[in-house]
C-alpha atoms as a PDB file:
ATOM      1  CA  MET A   1      59.963   6.736-106.614  1.00  0.00           C
ATOM      2  CA  ILE A   2      58.183   4.718-103.941  1.00  0.00           C
ATOM      3  CA  ASN A   3      59.250   5.279-100.348  1.00  0.00           C
ATOM      4  CA  ARG A   4      61.485   2.377 -99.219  1.00  0.00           C
ATOM      5  CA  ASN A   5      59.794   2.355 -95.819  1.00  0.00           C
ATOM      6  CA  LYS A   6      56.460   2.004 -97.619  1.00  0.00           C
ATOM      7  CA  ASP A   7      57.925  -0.885 -99.633  1.00  0.00           C
ATOM      8  CA  HIS A   8      58.975  -2.597 -96.400  1.00  0.00           C
ATOM      9  CA  GLN A   9      55.550  -2.092 -94.853  1.00  0.00           C
ATOM     10  CA  ALA A  10      53.850  -3.380 -98.011  1.00  0.00           C
ATOM     11  CA  GLN A  11      55.949  -6.538 -97.725  1.00  0.00           C
ATOM     12  CA  LEU A  12      54.965  -6.887 -94.042  1.00  0.00           C
ATOM     13  CA  LEU A  13      51.297  -6.743 -95.065  1.00  0.00           C
ATOM     14  CA  ALA A  14      51.840  -9.267 -97.862  1.00  0.00           C
ATOM     15  CA  ASP A  15      53.667 -11.599 -95.445  1.00  0.00           C
ATOM     16  CA  TRP A  16      50.722 -11.423 -93.075  1.00  0.00           C
ATOM     17  CA  TYR A  17      48.171 -12.204 -95.798  1.00  0.00           C
ATOM     18  CA  TYR A  18      50.261 -15.090 -97.133  1.00  0.00           C
ATOM     19  CA  GLN A  19      50.417 -16.557 -93.609  1.00  0.00           C
ATOM     20  CA  VAL A  20      46.798 -16.143 -92.495  1.00  0.00           C
ATOM     21  CA  GLU A  21      44.876 -16.915 -95.684  1.00  0.00           C
ATOM     22  CA  ASP A  22      45.367 -20.441 -97.015  1.00  0.00           C
ATOM     23  CA  GLY A  23      43.870 -19.666-100.409  1.00  0.00           C
ATOM     24  CA  VAL A  24      46.273 -16.864-101.328  1.00  0.00           C
ATOM     25  CA  MET A  25      48.087 -17.796-104.506  1.00  0.00           C
ATOM     26  CA  ASN A  26      49.851 -14.488-105.221  1.00  0.00           C
ATOM     27  CA  ILE A  27      49.926 -10.921-103.971  1.00  0.00           C
ATOM     28  CA  PHE A  28      50.858  -8.078-106.291  1.00  0.00           C
ATOM     29  CA  ARG A  29      51.666  -4.485-105.452  1.00  0.00           C
ATOM     30  CA  LEU A  30      49.333  -1.950-107.034  1.00  0.00           C
ATOM     31  CA  THR A  31      50.595   1.547-107.740  1.00  0.00           C
ATOM     32  CA  GLY A  32      49.071   4.808-108.815  1.00  0.00           C
ATOM     33  CA  SER A  33      50.809   7.646-110.573  1.00  0.00           C
ATOM     34  CA  ALA A  34      54.355   8.529-109.511  1.00  0.00           C
ATOM     35  CA  GLU A  35      53.030  11.788-108.059  1.00  0.00           C
ATOM     36  CA  ALA A  36      50.381   9.987-106.005  1.00  0.00           C
ATOM     37  CA  GLU A  37      52.851   7.417-104.691  1.00  0.00           C
ATOM     38  CA  MET A  38      55.089  10.217-103.367  1.00  0.00           C
ATOM     39  CA  LEU A  39      52.325  11.546-101.105  1.00  0.00           C
ATOM     40  CA  ALA A  40      52.772  10.688 -97.437  1.00  0.00           C
ATOM     41  CA  ASP A  41      49.144   9.620 -97.060  1.00  0.00           C
ATOM     42  CA  GLU A  42      48.933   7.525-100.250  1.00  0.00           C
ATOM     43  CA  PRO A  43      47.804   4.031 -99.203  1.00  0.00           C
ATOM     44  CA  ILE A  44      49.750   0.848 -99.728  1.00  0.00           C
ATOM     45  CA  LYS A  45      47.744  -1.020-102.369  1.00  0.00           C
ATOM     46  CA  LEU A  46      47.787  -4.817-102.736  1.00  0.00           C
ATOM     47  CA  LEU A  47      46.052  -7.160-105.173  1.00  0.00           C
ATOM     48  CA  GLU A  48      45.458 -10.567-103.628  1.00  0.00           C
ATOM     49  CA  VAL A  49      44.693 -13.535-105.885  1.00  0.00           C
ATOM     50  CA  ASN A  50      42.841 -15.976-103.635  1.00  0.00           C
ATOM     51  CA  ARG A  51      41.358 -19.287-104.775  1.00  0.00           C
ATOM     52  CA  ASP A  52      39.057 -19.334-101.708  1.00  0.00           C
ATOM     53  CA  THR A  53      37.336 -15.990-102.295  1.00  0.00           C
ATOM     54  CA  ILE A  54      34.118 -15.443-104.210  1.00  0.00           C
ATOM     55  CA  PRO A  55      34.034 -13.472-107.462  1.00  0.00           C
ATOM     56  CA  THR A  56      32.931  -9.913-106.700  1.00  0.00           C
ATOM     57  CA  GLY A  57      34.859  -7.931-109.285  1.00  0.00           C
ATOM     58  CA  ILE A  58      37.291  -5.209-108.292  1.00  0.00           C
ATOM     59  CA  MET A  59      36.250  -4.080-104.793  1.00  0.00           C
ATOM     60  CA  PRO A  60      38.990  -2.118-103.005  1.00  0.00           C
ATOM     61  CA  LEU A  61      38.803  -2.504 -99.220  1.00  0.00           C
ATOM     62  CA  TYR A  62      40.320   0.336 -97.181  1.00  0.00           C
ATOM     63  CA  PHE A  63      42.172  -0.168 -93.891  1.00  0.00           C
ATOM     64  CA  ASP A  64      43.449   2.508 -91.511  1.00  0.00           C
ATOM     65  CA  PRO A  65      47.122   2.590 -90.544  1.00  0.00           C
ATOM     66  CA  ALA A  66      48.086   0.193 -87.737  1.00  0.00           C
ATOM     67  CA  PRO A  67      51.193   1.756 -86.159  1.00  0.00           C
ATOM     68  CA  ALA A  68      51.206  -0.764 -83.287  1.00  0.00           C
ATOM     69  CA  SER A  69      51.706  -3.480 -85.934  1.00  0.00           C
ATOM     70  CA  GLY A  70      54.375  -1.527 -87.813  1.00  0.00           C
ATOM     71  CA  ILE A  71      52.055  -0.231 -90.547  1.00  0.00           C
ATOM     72  CA  ASP A  72      52.125   3.569 -90.675  1.00  0.00           C
ATOM     73  CA  TYR A  73      50.235   3.928 -93.964  1.00  0.00           C
ATOM     74  CA  PRO A  74      46.611   3.270 -94.780  1.00  0.00           C
ATOM     75  CA  ALA A  75      46.157   0.196 -96.953  1.00  0.00           C
ATOM     76  CA  ILE A  76      43.856  -0.878 -99.738  1.00  0.00           C
ATOM     77  CA  VAL A  77      43.440  -4.561-100.552  1.00  0.00           C
ATOM     78  CA  VAL A  78      41.695  -5.877-103.635  1.00  0.00           C
ATOM     79  CA  GLN A  79      40.930  -9.601-103.363  1.00  0.00           C
ATOM     80  CA  ILE A  80      40.054 -11.484-106.551  1.00  0.00           C
ATOM     81  CA  THR A  81      39.709 -15.069-107.759  1.00  0.00           C
ATOM     82  CA  PRO A  82      42.224 -16.623-110.175  1.00  0.00           C
ATOM     83  CA  GLU A  83      39.570 -16.341-112.898  1.00  0.00           C
ATOM     84  CA  GLU A  84      39.115 -12.639-112.173  1.00  0.00           C
ATOM     85  CA  TYR A  85      42.894 -12.221-112.336  1.00  0.00           C
ATOM     86  CA  GLU A  86      42.844 -13.754-115.825  1.00  0.00           C
ATOM     87  CA  LYS A  87      40.085 -11.280-116.782  1.00  0.00           C
ATOM     88  CA  LEU A  88      42.154  -8.428-115.360  1.00  0.00           C
ATOM     89  CA  GLN A  89      45.139  -9.546-117.444  1.00  0.00           C
ATOM     90  CA  ALA A  90      42.899  -9.771-120.529  1.00  0.00           C
ATOM     91  CA  ARG A  91      41.557  -6.262-119.765  1.00  0.00           C
ATOM     92  CA  GLU A  92      38.023  -7.581-119.262  1.00  0.00           C
ATOM     93  CA  LEU A  93      38.229  -6.116-115.741  1.00  0.00           C
ATOM     94  CA  ALA A  94      39.926  -2.830-114.877  1.00  0.00           C
ATOM     95  CA  LEU A  95      41.560  -1.377-111.800  1.00  0.00           C
ATOM     96  CA  PRO A  96      40.303   1.983-110.519  1.00  0.00           C
ATOM     97  CA  ASN A  97      42.122   5.319-110.485  1.00  0.00           C
ATOM     98  CA  GLY A  98      44.678   4.419-113.144  1.00  0.00           C
ATOM     99  CA  TRP A  99      46.342   1.876-110.853  1.00  0.00           C
ATOM    100  CA  SER A 100      48.756  -0.610-112.371  1.00  0.00           C
ATOM    101  CA  ILE A 101      49.918  -4.069-111.259  1.00  0.00           C
ATOM    102  CA  SER A 102      53.530  -4.926-110.560  1.00  0.00           C
ATOM    103  CA  ASP A 103      54.984  -7.435-113.016  1.00  0.00           C
ATOM    104  CA  GLU A 104      56.061  -9.907-110.345  1.00  0.00           C
ATOM    105  CA  PRO A 105      54.176 -11.116-107.275  1.00  0.00           C
ATOM    106  CA  MET A 106      55.474 -10.101-103.873  1.00  0.00           C
ATOM    107  CA  ARG A 107      57.687 -12.719-102.300  1.00  0.00           C
ATOM    108  CA  ARG A 108      56.302 -15.161 -99.785  1.00  0.00           C
ATOM    109  CA  PRO A 109      57.711 -15.043 -96.240  1.00  0.00           C
ATOM    110  CA  ASP A 110      59.425 -18.434 -96.709  1.00  0.00           C
ATOM    111  CA  GLU A 111      61.263 -17.196 -99.840  1.00  0.00           C
ATOM    112  CA  GLY A 112      63.574 -14.898 -97.853  1.00  0.00           C
ATOM    113  CA  SER A 113      65.049 -11.623 -99.054  1.00  0.00           C
ATOM    114  CA  VAL A 114      65.721 -11.050-102.717  1.00  0.00           C
END
């Protein structure tokens, strides 16, 4: 089970990316094993599909926690093009460490609470 506070903070990060990057089409939550996700220091992991990025494959970028901004967990962001997302779906690209993609994209800030 994923920590609800971590879920909230993941949504805060997604909201920020949706607002500051014009090319973001969708953001998906990435998760590791259930055991890994229970660890207090397990990063929030996001997959960002961005039409304005360049194709670089799966390159996780690590960010330290930012408590002053309400983010108490480290974060990993993987930014890919729409074409790379299609390749990921077709299993022509793979995520590291056994990570999996959520079925639905994270909501945009203007969509309100679900």
